[in-house]
Amino acid sequence: MEGQIAEFKIRQTRKTETAFMIQGELINGQMVEGMEIHVYLNQHLQVSGVITEIIKVNEQYEMIIGCSDLDEVDFWDMLNLKDKVLEIK
């Protein structure tokens, strides 16, 4: 999997006290636990998070991004990722 990039279309996000959940569709490539999602804020700045769990239901996936505290969960939520396409490496 090293060096491969997958793309993921976000349909919905939700949060708990310890995790940020991203639901959507895998557009291309493959993803496994331990890979990172990358959100580009501008051409010089990006945010990344480690996928700690993947749940597949029919053709949709739910990725769990483990967070250290509620502030980190809230930060991910503030990025307003719905309908965006993420890179997964």
N, C-alpha and C. Protein backbone atom coordinates (compact mmCIF):
# COMPACT_ATOMS: atom_id res chain seq x y z
N MET A 1 0.82 -1.20 0.00
CA MET A 1 0.00 0.00 0.00
C MET A 1 0.87 1.27 0.00
N GLU A 2 2.13 1.14 0.38
CA GLU A 2 2.98 2.31 0.49
C GLU A 2 3.08 3.02 -0.86
N GLY A 3 2.90 4.34 -0.84
CA GLY A 3 3.01 5.14 -2.04
C GLY A 3 1.72 5.27 -2.82
N GLN A 4 0.72 4.47 -2.50
CA GLN A 4 -0.55 4.55 -3.20
C GLN A 4 -1.42 5.63 -2.58
N ILE A 5 -2.22 6.27 -3.43
CA ILE A 5 -3.14 7.30 -2.97
C ILE A 5 -4.55 6.88 -3.34
N ALA A 6 -5.44 6.97 -2.38
CA ALA A 6 -6.86 6.71 -2.62
C ALA A 6 -7.61 8.03 -2.50
N GLU A 7 -8.80 8.09 -3.10
CA GLU A 7 -9.64 9.27 -2.98
C GLU A 7 -10.99 8.84 -2.40
N PHE A 8 -11.51 9.69 -1.52
CA PHE A 8 -12.72 9.37 -0.77
C PHE A 8 -13.66 10.56 -0.80
N LYS A 9 -14.89 10.36 -1.26
CA LYS A 9 -15.92 11.42 -1.32
C LYS A 9 -16.74 11.38 -0.03
N ILE A 10 -16.74 12.47 0.71
CA ILE A 10 -17.43 12.54 2.00
C ILE A 10 -18.91 12.87 1.78
N ARG A 11 -19.77 12.07 2.39
CA ARG A 11 -21.21 12.30 2.34
C ARG A 11 -21.73 12.89 3.65
N GLN A 12 -21.10 12.49 4.76
CA GLN A 12 -21.59 12.94 6.07
C GLN A 12 -20.46 12.79 7.08
N THR A 13 -20.47 13.64 8.10
CA THR A 13 -19.54 13.51 9.22
C THR A 13 -20.33 13.56 10.52
N ARG A 14 -19.76 12.96 11.55
CA ARG A 14 -20.32 13.05 12.89
C ARG A 14 -19.20 12.90 13.89
N LYS A 15 -19.49 13.19 15.15
CA LYS A 15 -18.42 13.17 16.14
C LYS A 15 -18.90 12.57 17.45
N THR A 16 -17.93 12.06 18.21
CA THR A 16 -18.15 11.63 19.59
C THR A 16 -17.13 12.40 20.43
N GLU A 17 -17.00 12.05 21.68
CA GLU A 17 -16.02 12.75 22.54
C GLU A 17 -14.59 12.37 22.21
N THR A 18 -14.38 11.21 21.56
CA THR A 18 -13.01 10.74 21.32
C THR A 18 -12.70 10.43 19.86
N ALA A 19 -13.67 10.63 18.97
CA ALA A 19 -13.42 10.27 17.57
C ALA A 19 -14.23 11.16 16.63
N PHE A 20 -13.71 11.28 15.41
CA PHE A 20 -14.41 11.97 14.33
C PHE A 20 -14.70 10.93 13.27
N MET A 21 -15.94 10.85 12.82
CA MET A 21 -16.35 9.83 11.87
C MET A 21 -16.69 10.45 10.53
N ILE A 22 -16.18 9.84 9.48
CA ILE A 22 -16.39 10.32 8.13
C ILE A 22 -17.06 9.21 7.33
N GLN A 23 -18.23 9.50 6.78
CA GLN A 23 -18.96 8.52 5.97
C GLN A 23 -18.95 8.95 4.52
N GLY A 24 -18.80 7.97 3.62
CA GLY A 24 -18.81 8.30 2.21
C GLY A 24 -18.43 7.14 1.33
N GLU A 25 -17.93 7.48 0.15
CA GLU A 25 -17.63 6.49 -0.88
C GLU A 25 -16.17 6.55 -1.30
N LEU A 26 -15.59 5.40 -1.49
CA LEU A 26 -14.22 5.31 -2.01
C LEU A 26 -14.30 5.50 -3.52
N ILE A 27 -13.69 6.56 -4.03
CA ILE A 27 -13.74 6.87 -5.46
C ILE A 27 -12.75 6.00 -6.23
N ASN A 28 -11.52 5.94 -5.72
CA ASN A 28 -10.53 5.06 -6.35
C ASN A 28 -9.47 4.69 -5.32
N GLY A 29 -8.76 3.62 -5.61
CA GLY A 29 -7.72 3.15 -4.72
C GLY A 29 -8.27 2.25 -3.62
N GLN A 30 -7.42 2.00 -2.63
CA GLN A 30 -7.78 1.17 -1.50
C GLN A 30 -7.37 1.89 -0.22
N MET A 31 -8.04 1.54 0.87
CA MET A 31 -7.67 2.12 2.15
C MET A 31 -7.68 1.02 3.21
N VAL A 32 -6.78 1.18 4.17
CA VAL A 32 -6.69 0.26 5.29
C VAL A 32 -6.45 1.08 6.56
N GLU A 33 -6.76 0.47 7.69
CA GLU A 33 -6.50 1.13 8.97
C GLU A 33 -5.01 1.47 9.07
N GLY A 34 -4.74 2.62 9.64
CA GLY A 34 -3.35 3.07 9.77
C GLY A 34 -2.94 4.07 8.70
N MET A 35 -3.69 4.11 7.59
CA MET A 35 -3.40 5.11 6.56
C MET A 35 -3.84 6.47 7.08
N GLU A 36 -3.41 7.53 6.41
CA GLU A 36 -3.74 8.89 6.83
C GLU A 36 -4.63 9.57 5.81
N ILE A 37 -5.60 10.36 6.32
CA ILE A 37 -6.36 11.24 5.44
C ILE A 37 -5.66 12.59 5.44
N HIS A 38 -5.76 13.27 4.31
CA HIS A 38 -5.11 14.58 4.17
C HIS A 38 -6.13 15.59 3.68
N VAL A 39 -6.25 16.70 4.42
CA VAL A 39 -7.14 17.79 4.07
C VAL A 39 -6.26 19.00 3.80
N TYR A 40 -6.32 19.51 2.58
CA TYR A 40 -5.51 20.67 2.21
C TYR A 40 -6.27 21.95 2.52
N LEU A 41 -5.70 22.77 3.40
CA LEU A 41 -6.32 24.04 3.77
C LEU A 41 -5.95 25.13 2.78
N ASN A 42 -4.74 25.06 2.25
CA ASN A 42 -4.28 25.93 1.16
C ASN A 42 -3.07 25.21 0.54
N GLN A 43 -2.37 25.85 -0.36
CA GLN A 43 -1.29 25.15 -1.06
C GLN A 43 -0.08 24.85 -0.17
N HIS A 44 -0.01 25.46 1.01
CA HIS A 44 1.13 25.25 1.89
C HIS A 44 0.77 24.56 3.21
N LEU A 45 -0.50 24.39 3.49
CA LEU A 45 -0.92 23.89 4.79
C LEU A 45 -1.94 22.77 4.65
N GLN A 46 -1.69 21.68 5.36
CA GLN A 46 -2.63 20.57 5.35
C GLN A 46 -2.79 20.00 6.75
N VAL A 47 -3.90 19.33 6.97
CA VAL A 47 -4.19 18.64 8.22
C VAL A 47 -4.28 17.16 7.87
N SER A 48 -3.72 16.32 8.73
CA SER A 48 -3.83 14.88 8.48
C SER A 48 -4.26 14.17 9.75
N GLY A 49 -4.89 13.04 9.56
CA GLY A 49 -5.33 12.23 10.68
C GLY A 49 -5.22 10.76 10.33
N VAL A 50 -5.00 9.94 11.32
CA VAL A 50 -4.83 8.50 11.11
C VAL A 50 -6.18 7.80 11.19
N ILE A 51 -6.44 6.92 10.23
CA ILE A 51 -7.65 6.11 10.22
C ILE A 51 -7.45 4.98 11.22
N THR A 52 -8.27 4.97 12.27
CA THR A 52 -8.13 3.94 13.30
C THR A 52 -9.09 2.77 13.09
N GLU A 53 -10.14 3.00 12.31
CA GLU A 53 -11.10 1.93 12.04
C GLU A 53 -11.84 2.23 10.75
N ILE A 54 -12.18 1.18 9.99
CA ILE A 54 -12.96 1.31 8.77
C ILE A 54 -14.11 0.33 8.85
N ILE A 55 -15.32 0.83 8.61
CA ILE A 55 -16.51 -0.01 8.61
C ILE A 55 -17.15 0.12 7.23
N LYS A 56 -17.42 -1.01 6.56
CA LYS A 56 -18.05 -0.97 5.25
C LYS A 56 -19.49 -1.46 5.37
N VAL A 57 -20.40 -0.65 4.84
CA VAL A 57 -21.81 -1.01 4.80
C VAL A 57 -22.28 -0.79 3.37
N ASN A 58 -22.58 -1.89 2.67
CA ASN A 58 -22.93 -1.85 1.25
C ASN A 58 -21.77 -1.20 0.48
N GLU A 59 -22.02 -0.13 -0.24
CA GLU A 59 -20.95 0.54 -1.00
C GLU A 59 -20.40 1.75 -0.26
N GLN A 60 -20.87 2.00 0.94
CA GLN A 60 -20.42 3.15 1.72
C GLN A 60 -19.43 2.69 2.79
N TYR A 61 -18.57 3.61 3.18
CA TYR A 61 -17.60 3.35 4.23
C TYR A 61 -17.76 4.38 5.34
N GLU A 62 -17.39 3.98 6.53
CA GLU A 62 -17.25 4.92 7.64
C GLU A 62 -15.83 4.79 8.15
N MET A 63 -15.09 5.90 8.13
CA MET A 63 -13.73 5.93 8.66
C MET A 63 -13.78 6.60 10.02
N ILE A 64 -13.05 6.03 10.96
CA ILE A 64 -12.95 6.62 12.28
C ILE A 64 -11.55 7.24 12.41
N ILE A 65 -11.52 8.52 12.77
CA ILE A 65 -10.27 9.22 13.02
C ILE A 65 -10.17 9.39 14.53
N GLY A 66 -9.24 8.67 15.14
CA GLY A 66 -9.06 8.76 16.59
C GLY A 66 -8.50 10.12 16.98
N CYS A 67 -9.03 10.69 18.04
CA CYS A 67 -8.60 12.02 18.48
C CYS A 67 -8.18 11.96 19.95
N SER A 68 -7.25 12.82 20.33
CA SER A 68 -6.73 12.79 21.69
C SER A 68 -7.66 13.45 22.70
N ASP A 69 -8.49 14.39 22.23
CA ASP A 69 -9.42 15.06 23.14
C ASP A 69 -10.55 15.71 22.35
N LEU A 70 -11.52 16.27 23.06
CA LEU A 70 -12.68 16.88 22.43
C LEU A 70 -12.30 18.09 21.57
N ASP A 71 -11.26 18.82 21.95
CA ASP A 71 -10.81 19.96 21.15
C ASP A 71 -10.39 19.50 19.75
N GLU A 72 -9.70 18.38 19.67
CA GLU A 72 -9.28 17.86 18.37
C GLU A 72 -10.50 17.40 17.56
N VAL A 73 -11.46 16.77 18.21
CA VAL A 73 -12.69 16.37 17.54
C VAL A 73 -13.41 17.60 16.99
N ASP A 74 -13.52 18.64 17.81
CA ASP A 74 -14.18 19.87 17.37
C ASP A 74 -13.43 20.53 16.21
N PHE A 75 -12.11 20.47 16.23
CA PHE A 75 -11.32 21.02 15.13
C PHE A 75 -11.68 20.33 13.81
N TRP A 76 -11.69 18.99 13.83
CA TRP A 76 -12.07 18.25 12.62
C TRP A 76 -13.48 18.65 12.16
N ASP A 77 -14.39 18.78 13.11
CA ASP A 77 -15.77 19.14 12.78
C ASP A 77 -15.84 20.53 12.14
N MET A 78 -15.03 21.47 12.61
CA MET A 78 -15.03 22.83 12.07
C MET A 78 -14.52 22.91 10.63
N LEU A 79 -13.82 21.87 10.17
CA LEU A 79 -13.31 21.89 8.80
C LEU A 79 -14.42 21.77 7.76
N ASN A 80 -15.64 21.40 8.21
CA ASN A 80 -16.80 21.34 7.33
C ASN A 80 -16.49 20.52 6.06
N LEU A 81 -16.22 19.24 6.23
CA LEU A 81 -15.72 18.39 5.15
C LEU A 81 -16.80 17.78 4.25
N LYS A 82 -18.07 17.93 4.60
CA LYS A 82 -19.14 17.31 3.81
C LYS A 82 -19.02 17.69 2.33
N ASP A 83 -19.15 16.70 1.46
CA ASP A 83 -19.10 16.82 -0.01
C ASP A 83 -17.70 17.08 -0.57
N LYS A 84 -16.68 17.06 0.27
CA LYS A 84 -15.31 17.22 -0.22
C LYS A 84 -14.71 15.86 -0.57
N VAL A 85 -13.63 15.89 -1.34
CA VAL A 85 -12.89 14.67 -1.68
C VAL A 85 -11.56 14.73 -0.94
N LEU A 86 -11.27 13.65 -0.18
CA LEU A 86 -10.04 13.56 0.59
C LEU A 86 -9.03 12.66 -0.09
N GLU A 87 -7.77 12.95 0.12
CA GLU A 87 -6.71 12.03 -0.27
C GLU A 87 -6.39 11.16 0.92
N ILE A 88 -6.19 9.88 0.65
CA ILE A 88 -5.79 8.93 1.69
C ILE A 88 -4.48 8.30 1.25
N LYS A 89 -3.48 8.38 2.13
CA LYS A 89 -2.15 7.83 1.79
C LYS A 89 -1.72 6.86 2.87
